[in-house]
Amino acid sequence: MEKSEQAFRTISEAAAELQLPQHVLRFWETRFTQIKPLKRGGGRRYYRPEDVLLLKGIRHLLYDQGFTIKGVQRILKDKGPRHAIEIGAAGGIVEAGDKENAPPVVPVAPATGDKAAPHAEPAAPAGISPRARQRLSRVMRDLLECKRQLDLAREE
């Protein structure tokens, strides 16, 4: 039996709808004060429909747009939870933020020599936008460069 859109969701139902583990929702409650599920006897959480939309908006900002928790906290502080709810309701179509809130891009010199990691483009899962792929690729290059520098430091 399918629940109506206005029905409250348990944490397991909300987690399934968001395709997230339950512990992530509990963690987000500690980081985002705007998430306030109703708590009943025994500590059971019940999420209102607007709570689920807020969670969808936060999920989109974190996972699809690549914001950090601190960045999403800033967006919620500056634009209010209504903005994240609109993002959740629109399925992530609303512009999440501007360039000021985006993490800085740090240029990295390519790795060279024997310790250079072989460059292979992993297949990205379906549904990842080209922008997100580019961001993931930059992060991967940064991490490989950090690893190379750590390996060099260990050799010294």
N, C-alpha and C. Protein backbone atom coordinates (compact mmCIF):
# COMPACT_ATOMS: atom_id res chain seq x y z
N MET A 1 0.84 -1.18 0.00
CA MET A 1 0.00 0.00 0.00
C MET A 1 0.89 1.25 0.00
N GLU A 2 0.68 2.12 -0.93
CA GLU A 2 1.47 3.35 -1.11
C GLU A 2 0.95 4.44 -0.18
N LYS A 3 1.88 5.16 0.47
CA LYS A 3 1.49 6.27 1.35
C LYS A 3 1.18 7.50 0.52
N SER A 4 0.31 8.35 1.06
CA SER A 4 0.03 9.61 0.38
C SER A 4 1.24 10.53 0.53
N GLU A 5 1.30 11.53 -0.32
CA GLU A 5 2.43 12.46 -0.27
C GLU A 5 2.46 13.26 1.02
N GLN A 6 1.31 13.44 1.67
CA GLN A 6 1.25 14.23 2.90
C GLN A 6 1.48 13.38 4.16
N ALA A 7 1.65 12.08 3.99
CA ALA A 7 1.87 11.20 5.14
C ALA A 7 3.28 11.38 5.70
N PHE A 8 3.40 11.19 7.00
CA PHE A 8 4.71 11.25 7.63
C PHE A 8 5.49 9.99 7.26
N ARG A 9 6.80 10.10 7.24
CA ARG A 9 7.67 8.98 6.87
C ARG A 9 8.53 8.59 8.08
N THR A 10 8.71 7.30 8.26
CA THR A 10 9.67 6.84 9.26
C THR A 10 11.06 7.07 8.69
N ILE A 11 12.07 6.92 9.53
CA ILE A 11 13.43 7.14 9.05
C ILE A 11 13.79 6.12 7.97
N SER A 12 13.29 4.90 8.09
CA SER A 12 13.61 3.90 7.06
C SER A 12 12.94 4.25 5.74
N GLU A 13 11.71 4.76 5.78
CA GLU A 13 11.02 5.16 4.55
C GLU A 13 11.69 6.37 3.92
N ALA A 14 12.07 7.35 4.75
CA ALA A 14 12.75 8.54 4.23
C ALA A 14 14.10 8.16 3.63
N ALA A 15 14.83 7.30 4.32
CA ALA A 15 16.14 6.87 3.82
C ALA A 15 16.00 6.12 2.50
N ALA A 16 14.99 5.28 2.38
CA ALA A 16 14.78 4.55 1.13
C ALA A 16 14.41 5.50 0.00
N GLU A 17 13.57 6.49 0.29
CA GLU A 17 13.17 7.46 -0.73
C GLU A 17 14.37 8.29 -1.22
N LEU A 18 15.29 8.60 -0.30
CA LEU A 18 16.47 9.40 -0.63
C LEU A 18 17.64 8.56 -1.10
N GLN A 19 17.49 7.24 -1.03
CA GLN A 19 18.56 6.30 -1.39
C GLN A 19 19.81 6.56 -0.55
N LEU A 20 19.59 6.68 0.76
CA LEU A 20 20.67 6.92 1.71
C LEU A 20 20.51 5.96 2.88
N PRO A 21 21.62 5.62 3.55
CA PRO A 21 21.50 4.83 4.77
C PRO A 21 20.88 5.68 5.89
N GLN A 22 20.23 5.02 6.83
CA GLN A 22 19.57 5.74 7.92
C GLN A 22 20.55 6.54 8.77
N HIS A 23 21.76 6.00 8.95
CA HIS A 23 22.72 6.71 9.80
C HIS A 23 23.12 8.07 9.20
N VAL A 24 23.02 8.21 7.88
CA VAL A 24 23.34 9.49 7.24
C VAL A 24 22.30 10.53 7.65
N LEU A 25 21.03 10.13 7.67
CA LEU A 25 19.98 11.07 8.10
C LEU A 25 20.17 11.46 9.55
N ARG A 26 20.54 10.51 10.41
CA ARG A 26 20.79 10.84 11.82
C ARG A 26 21.97 11.80 11.94
N PHE A 27 23.02 11.56 11.14
CA PHE A 27 24.18 12.44 11.16
C PHE A 27 23.81 13.84 10.69
N TRP A 28 23.03 13.93 9.60
CA TRP A 28 22.62 15.24 9.09
C TRP A 28 21.83 16.01 10.14
N GLU A 29 21.04 15.32 10.97
CA GLU A 29 20.30 16.01 12.03
C GLU A 29 21.24 16.73 12.99
N THR A 30 22.45 16.20 13.16
CA THR A 30 23.43 16.85 14.05
C THR A 30 24.11 18.02 13.37
N ARG A 31 24.15 18.04 12.06
CA ARG A 31 24.85 19.08 11.32
C ARG A 31 23.95 20.19 10.78
N PHE A 32 22.69 19.86 10.55
CA PHE A 32 21.74 20.82 9.99
C PHE A 32 20.58 20.98 10.98
N THR A 33 20.58 22.09 11.70
CA THR A 33 19.56 22.31 12.73
C THR A 33 18.16 22.47 12.12
N GLN A 34 18.10 22.70 10.82
CA GLN A 34 16.80 22.87 10.16
C GLN A 34 16.05 21.54 10.04
N ILE A 35 16.76 20.42 10.15
CA ILE A 35 16.12 19.10 10.07
C ILE A 35 15.59 18.77 11.46
N LYS A 36 14.27 18.75 11.58
CA LYS A 36 13.65 18.51 12.88
C LYS A 36 12.51 17.50 12.74
N PRO A 37 12.82 16.22 12.67
CA PRO A 37 11.73 15.24 12.59
C PRO A 37 11.00 15.16 13.93
N LEU A 38 9.74 14.76 13.87
CA LEU A 38 9.00 14.52 15.11
C LEU A 38 9.56 13.26 15.73
N LYS A 39 9.72 13.28 17.05
CA LYS A 39 10.21 12.08 17.73
C LYS A 39 9.12 11.59 18.67
N ARG A 40 8.78 10.33 18.52
CA ARG A 40 7.74 9.71 19.34
C ARG A 40 8.39 8.79 20.36
N GLY A 41 7.55 8.07 21.06
CA GLY A 41 8.03 7.15 22.08
C GLY A 41 9.11 6.22 21.56
N GLY A 42 10.12 6.02 22.39
CA GLY A 42 11.22 5.15 21.98
C GLY A 42 12.18 5.83 21.03
N GLY A 43 12.01 7.13 20.80
CA GLY A 43 12.92 7.86 19.92
C GLY A 43 12.66 7.67 18.44
N ARG A 44 11.50 7.10 18.08
CA ARG A 44 11.20 6.92 16.65
C ARG A 44 11.04 8.27 15.98
N ARG A 45 11.66 8.38 14.80
CA ARG A 45 11.61 9.64 14.05
C ARG A 45 10.53 9.55 12.98
N TYR A 46 9.78 10.63 12.85
CA TYR A 46 8.79 10.75 11.78
C TYR A 46 9.06 12.05 11.04
N TYR A 47 9.32 11.91 9.74
CA TYR A 47 9.64 13.07 8.91
C TYR A 47 8.38 13.58 8.23
N ARG A 48 8.12 14.87 8.36
CA ARG A 48 7.01 15.52 7.67
C ARG A 48 7.36 15.60 6.18
N PRO A 49 6.38 15.82 5.32
CA PRO A 49 6.68 15.96 3.88
C PRO A 49 7.69 17.06 3.59
N GLU A 50 7.59 18.21 4.30
CA GLU A 50 8.57 19.28 4.06
C GLU A 50 9.96 18.90 4.57
N ASP A 51 10.03 18.04 5.62
CA ASP A 51 11.33 17.54 6.07
C ASP A 51 11.99 16.70 4.98
N VAL A 52 11.18 15.86 4.33
CA VAL A 52 11.71 15.01 3.26
C VAL A 52 12.19 15.87 2.10
N LEU A 53 11.44 16.93 1.76
CA LEU A 53 11.87 17.83 0.68
C LEU A 53 13.16 18.55 1.06
N LEU A 54 13.28 18.96 2.32
CA LEU A 54 14.51 19.59 2.80
C LEU A 54 15.68 18.61 2.68
N LEU A 55 15.45 17.37 3.08
CA LEU A 55 16.50 16.35 2.97
C LEU A 55 16.89 16.12 1.51
N LYS A 56 15.89 16.12 0.62
CA LYS A 56 16.19 15.96 -0.81
C LYS A 56 17.05 17.12 -1.31
N GLY A 57 16.71 18.34 -0.88
CA GLY A 57 17.50 19.50 -1.27
C GLY A 57 18.92 19.43 -0.75
N ILE A 58 19.08 19.04 0.51
CA ILE A 58 20.42 18.90 1.09
C ILE A 58 21.19 17.81 0.37
N ARG A 59 20.52 16.70 0.08
CA ARG A 59 21.18 15.61 -0.64
C ARG A 59 21.67 16.09 -2.00
N HIS A 60 20.84 16.85 -2.71
CA HIS A 60 21.22 17.36 -4.03
C HIS A 60 22.43 18.29 -3.92
N LEU A 61 22.40 19.17 -2.94
CA LEU A 61 23.52 20.11 -2.78
C LEU A 61 24.82 19.37 -2.45
N LEU A 62 24.73 18.37 -1.58
CA LEU A 62 25.94 17.64 -1.18
C LEU A 62 26.44 16.70 -2.26
N TYR A 63 25.55 15.87 -2.79
CA TYR A 63 25.98 14.80 -3.69
C TYR A 63 26.02 15.20 -5.15
N ASP A 64 25.05 15.98 -5.61
CA ASP A 64 25.00 16.33 -7.03
C ASP A 64 25.77 17.61 -7.34
N GLN A 65 25.67 18.60 -6.46
CA GLN A 65 26.36 19.87 -6.70
C GLN A 65 27.77 19.89 -6.13
N GLY A 66 28.08 18.96 -5.22
CA GLY A 66 29.43 18.86 -4.70
C GLY A 66 29.78 19.82 -3.58
N PHE A 67 28.77 20.40 -2.93
CA PHE A 67 29.04 21.29 -1.81
C PHE A 67 29.49 20.48 -0.60
N THR A 68 30.25 21.12 0.28
CA THR A 68 30.62 20.51 1.55
C THR A 68 29.49 20.74 2.54
N ILE A 69 29.57 20.07 3.67
CA ILE A 69 28.56 20.29 4.71
C ILE A 69 28.59 21.75 5.14
N LYS A 70 29.78 22.29 5.30
CA LYS A 70 29.91 23.71 5.68
C LYS A 70 29.29 24.62 4.61
N GLY A 71 29.48 24.29 3.34
CA GLY A 71 28.90 25.07 2.25
C GLY A 71 27.38 25.04 2.26
N VAL A 72 26.82 23.85 2.52
CA VAL A 72 25.36 23.73 2.59
C VAL A 72 24.84 24.47 3.82
N GLN A 73 25.58 24.40 4.94
CA GLN A 73 25.17 25.16 6.12
C GLN A 73 25.12 26.65 5.80
N ARG A 74 26.09 27.13 5.04
CA ARG A 74 26.12 28.55 4.66
C ARG A 74 24.93 28.89 3.77
N ILE A 75 24.62 28.02 2.81
CA ILE A 75 23.47 28.26 1.94
C ILE A 75 22.19 28.31 2.76
N LEU A 76 22.03 27.37 3.69
CA LEU A 76 20.83 27.36 4.53
C LEU A 76 20.76 28.60 5.41
N LYS A 77 21.91 29.07 5.87
CA LYS A 77 21.93 30.28 6.71
C LYS A 77 21.60 31.52 5.88
N ASP A 78 22.21 31.62 4.68
CA ASP A 78 22.02 32.80 3.83
C ASP A 78 20.65 32.83 3.15
N LYS A 79 20.24 31.70 2.59
CA LYS A 79 19.01 31.67 1.79
C LYS A 79 17.84 31.04 2.51
N GLY A 80 18.09 30.41 3.65
CA GLY A 80 17.03 29.80 4.43
C GLY A 80 16.69 28.40 3.97
N PRO A 81 16.03 27.64 4.85
CA PRO A 81 15.67 26.27 4.50
C PRO A 81 14.66 26.19 3.36
N ARG A 82 13.88 27.24 3.17
CA ARG A 82 12.89 27.25 2.08
C ARG A 82 13.58 27.04 0.73
N HIS A 83 14.80 27.58 0.57
CA HIS A 83 15.55 27.43 -0.67
C HIS A 83 15.87 25.95 -0.92
N ALA A 84 16.34 25.26 0.12
CA ALA A 84 16.66 23.84 -0.02
C ALA A 84 15.39 23.02 -0.25
N ILE A 85 14.29 23.42 0.37
CA ILE A 85 13.02 22.72 0.15
C ILE A 85 12.59 22.87 -1.30
N GLU A 86 12.76 24.08 -1.87
CA GLU A 86 12.43 24.30 -3.29
C GLU A 86 13.31 23.43 -4.19
N ILE A 87 14.58 23.31 -3.84
CA ILE A 87 15.48 22.45 -4.62
C ILE A 87 15.00 21.01 -4.54
N GLY A 88 14.63 20.56 -3.33
CA GLY A 88 14.13 19.20 -3.16
C GLY A 88 12.84 18.96 -3.91
N ALA A 89 11.94 19.95 -3.89
CA ALA A 89 10.65 19.82 -4.58
C ALA A 89 10.83 19.81 -6.09
N ALA A 90 11.83 20.56 -6.58
CA ALA A 90 12.07 20.64 -8.02
C ALA A 90 12.96 19.51 -8.51
N GLY A 91 13.36 18.64 -7.62
CA GLY A 91 14.23 17.55 -8.02
C GLY A 91 15.63 18.02 -8.33
N GLY A 92 16.04 19.14 -7.73
CA GLY A 92 17.40 19.64 -7.93
C GLY A 92 17.56 20.57 -9.11
N ILE A 93 16.47 21.03 -9.70
CA ILE A 93 16.56 21.88 -10.88
C ILE A 93 16.90 23.32 -10.52
N VAL A 94 16.45 23.80 -9.36
CA VAL A 94 16.72 25.18 -8.95
C VAL A 94 18.23 25.34 -8.78
N GLU A 95 18.76 26.48 -9.20
CA GLU A 95 20.20 26.74 -9.06
C GLU A 95 20.56 26.70 -7.59
N ALA A 96 21.50 25.84 -7.24
CA ALA A 96 21.84 25.60 -5.84
C ALA A 96 22.59 26.75 -5.21
N GLY A 97 23.48 27.37 -5.90
CA GLY A 97 24.29 28.43 -5.31
C GLY A 97 25.08 29.12 -6.38
N ASP A 98 25.85 30.09 -5.97
CA ASP A 98 26.66 30.80 -6.95
C ASP A 98 28.11 30.39 -6.82
N LYS A 99 28.94 30.98 -7.65
CA LYS A 99 30.36 30.64 -7.68
C LYS A 99 31.07 30.94 -6.37
N GLU A 100 30.55 31.92 -5.60
CA GLU A 100 31.19 32.27 -4.33
C GLU A 100 31.17 31.11 -3.35
N ASN A 101 30.13 30.28 -3.39
CA ASN A 101 30.00 29.18 -2.45
C ASN A 101 30.70 27.92 -2.93
N ALA A 102 31.14 27.92 -4.17
CA ALA A 102 31.79 26.73 -4.71
C ALA A 102 33.18 26.58 -4.09
N PRO A 103 33.63 25.33 -3.90
CA PRO A 103 34.96 25.14 -3.35
C PRO A 103 36.02 25.63 -4.32
N PRO A 104 37.14 26.14 -3.80
CA PRO A 104 38.18 26.65 -4.69
C PRO A 104 38.83 25.52 -5.49
N VAL A 105 39.23 25.85 -6.70
CA VAL A 105 39.93 24.89 -7.54
C VAL A 105 41.41 25.15 -7.38
N VAL A 106 42.14 24.12 -6.96
CA VAL A 106 43.57 24.25 -6.73
C VAL A 106 44.30 23.59 -7.88
N PRO A 107 45.11 24.35 -8.65
CA PRO A 107 45.84 23.74 -9.75
C PRO A 107 46.92 22.81 -9.20
N VAL A 108 47.11 21.69 -9.85
CA VAL A 108 48.07 20.69 -9.42
C VAL A 108 48.96 20.33 -10.59
N ALA A 109 50.26 20.27 -10.32
CA ALA A 109 51.19 19.85 -11.36
C ALA A 109 51.02 18.35 -11.60
N PRO A 110 51.11 17.89 -12.84
CA PRO A 110 50.94 16.47 -13.11
C PRO A 110 52.10 15.67 -12.50
N ALA A 111 51.78 14.47 -12.05
CA ALA A 111 52.79 13.59 -11.48
C ALA A 111 53.70 13.08 -12.60
N THR A 112 54.99 12.96 -12.27
CA THR A 112 55.96 12.48 -13.26
C THR A 112 56.86 11.44 -12.62
N GLY A 113 57.61 10.76 -13.44
CA GLY A 113 58.60 9.81 -12.94
C GLY A 113 58.02 8.44 -12.68
N ASP A 114 58.81 7.63 -11.94
CA ASP A 114 58.43 6.25 -11.68
C ASP A 114 57.18 6.13 -10.83
N LYS A 115 57.00 7.09 -9.94
CA LYS A 115 55.88 7.01 -8.99
C LYS A 115 54.57 7.54 -9.56
N ALA A 116 54.59 8.01 -10.79
CA ALA A 116 53.37 8.56 -11.38
C ALA A 116 52.34 7.45 -11.51
N ALA A 117 51.14 7.73 -11.07
CA ALA A 117 50.07 6.75 -11.16
C ALA A 117 49.60 6.67 -12.61
N PRO A 118 49.32 5.46 -13.08
CA PRO A 118 48.80 5.35 -14.44
C PRO A 118 47.46 6.07 -14.53
N HIS A 119 47.29 6.83 -15.60
CA HIS A 119 46.07 7.61 -15.76
C HIS A 119 45.02 6.76 -16.45
N ALA A 120 43.96 6.52 -15.74
CA ALA A 120 42.84 5.77 -16.31
C ALA A 120 41.57 6.49 -15.93
N GLU A 121 40.73 6.71 -16.89
CA GLU A 121 39.45 7.35 -16.64
C GLU A 121 38.44 6.29 -16.22
N PRO A 122 38.07 6.25 -14.95
CA PRO A 122 37.08 5.27 -14.53
C PRO A 122 35.72 5.62 -15.13
N ALA A 123 34.96 4.59 -15.38
CA ALA A 123 33.63 4.81 -15.92
C ALA A 123 32.76 5.44 -14.84
N ALA A 124 32.16 6.56 -15.15
CA ALA A 124 31.31 7.24 -14.19
C ALA A 124 29.92 6.61 -14.22
N PRO A 125 29.28 6.49 -13.07
CA PRO A 125 27.94 5.93 -13.06
C PRO A 125 26.98 6.81 -13.86
N ALA A 126 25.98 6.17 -14.41
CA ALA A 126 24.98 6.92 -15.18
C ALA A 126 24.28 7.90 -14.26
N GLY A 127 23.93 9.04 -14.79
CA GLY A 127 23.22 10.03 -14.01
C GLY A 127 24.10 11.13 -13.44
N ILE A 128 25.41 11.03 -13.62
CA ILE A 128 26.30 12.08 -13.13
C ILE A 128 26.47 13.10 -14.25
N SER A 129 26.27 14.35 -13.90
CA SER A 129 26.36 15.41 -14.90
C SER A 129 27.81 15.61 -15.34
N PRO A 130 28.02 16.17 -16.52
CA PRO A 130 29.40 16.45 -16.97
C PRO A 130 30.15 17.35 -16.00
N ARG A 131 29.45 18.31 -15.40
CA ARG A 131 30.10 19.21 -14.44
C ARG A 131 30.59 18.42 -13.22
N ALA A 132 29.74 17.51 -12.73
CA ALA A 132 30.12 16.70 -11.58
C ALA A 132 31.28 15.77 -11.94
N ARG A 133 31.27 15.24 -13.16
CA ARG A 133 32.38 14.39 -13.61
C ARG A 133 33.69 15.17 -13.62
N GLN A 134 33.64 16.41 -14.11
CA GLN A 134 34.84 17.24 -14.13
C GLN A 134 35.34 17.50 -12.72
N ARG A 135 34.42 17.79 -11.83
CA ARG A 135 34.80 18.04 -10.44
C ARG A 135 35.43 16.78 -9.83
N LEU A 136 34.82 15.62 -10.07
CA LEU A 136 35.38 14.37 -9.55
C LEU A 136 36.75 14.09 -10.14
N SER A 137 36.91 14.39 -11.41
CA SER A 137 38.20 14.19 -12.07
C SER A 137 39.27 15.08 -11.44
N ARG A 138 38.91 16.34 -11.17
CA ARG A 138 39.87 17.26 -10.52
C ARG A 138 40.24 16.76 -9.13
N VAL A 139 39.26 16.30 -8.39
CA VAL A 139 39.52 15.80 -7.04
C VAL A 139 40.43 14.58 -7.11
N MET A 140 40.18 13.71 -8.08
CA MET A 140 41.02 12.51 -8.23
C MET A 140 42.46 12.91 -8.54
N ARG A 141 42.65 13.87 -9.44
CA ARG A 141 44.01 14.32 -9.75
C ARG A 141 44.68 14.91 -8.52
N ASP A 142 43.92 15.71 -7.76
CA ASP A 142 44.46 16.30 -6.53
C ASP A 142 44.89 15.21 -5.55
N LEU A 143 44.04 14.21 -5.38
CA LEU A 143 44.37 13.12 -4.45
C LEU A 143 45.59 12.34 -4.91
N LEU A 144 45.69 12.08 -6.21
CA LEU A 144 46.85 11.37 -6.72
C LEU A 144 48.13 12.18 -6.52
N GLU A 145 48.03 13.48 -6.69
CA GLU A 145 49.20 14.34 -6.46
C GLU A 145 49.57 14.35 -4.99
N CYS A 146 48.59 14.39 -4.11
CA CYS A 146 48.87 14.33 -2.67
C CYS A 146 49.55 13.02 -2.31
N LYS A 147 49.07 11.94 -2.88
CA LYS A 147 49.68 10.62 -2.62
C LYS A 147 51.12 10.61 -3.11
N ARG A 148 51.36 11.17 -4.29
CA ARG A 148 52.71 11.20 -4.84
C ARG A 148 53.63 11.98 -3.91
N GLN A 149 53.16 13.12 -3.42
CA GLN A 149 53.99 13.93 -2.53
C GLN A 149 54.24 13.23 -1.20
N LEU A 150 53.25 12.52 -0.69
CA LEU A 150 53.45 11.75 0.54
C LEU A 150 54.47 10.63 0.33
N ASP A 151 54.37 9.96 -0.81
CA ASP A 151 55.33 8.90 -1.12
C ASP A 151 56.75 9.46 -1.19
N LEU A 152 56.90 10.62 -1.81
CA LEU A 152 58.23 11.26 -1.89
C LEU A 152 58.74 11.63 -0.51
N ALA A 153 57.86 12.14 0.34
CA ALA A 153 58.26 12.52 1.70
C ALA A 153 58.68 11.31 2.52
N ARG A 154 58.02 10.18 2.31
CA ARG A 154 58.37 8.96 3.03
C ARG A 154 59.73 8.43 2.61
N GLU A 155 60.09 8.62 1.35
CA GLU A 155 61.37 8.14 0.84
C GLU A 155 62.54 8.92 1.40
N GLU A 156 62.31 10.17 1.78
CA GLU A 156 63.40 11.03 2.27
C GLU A 156 63.87 10.66 3.63
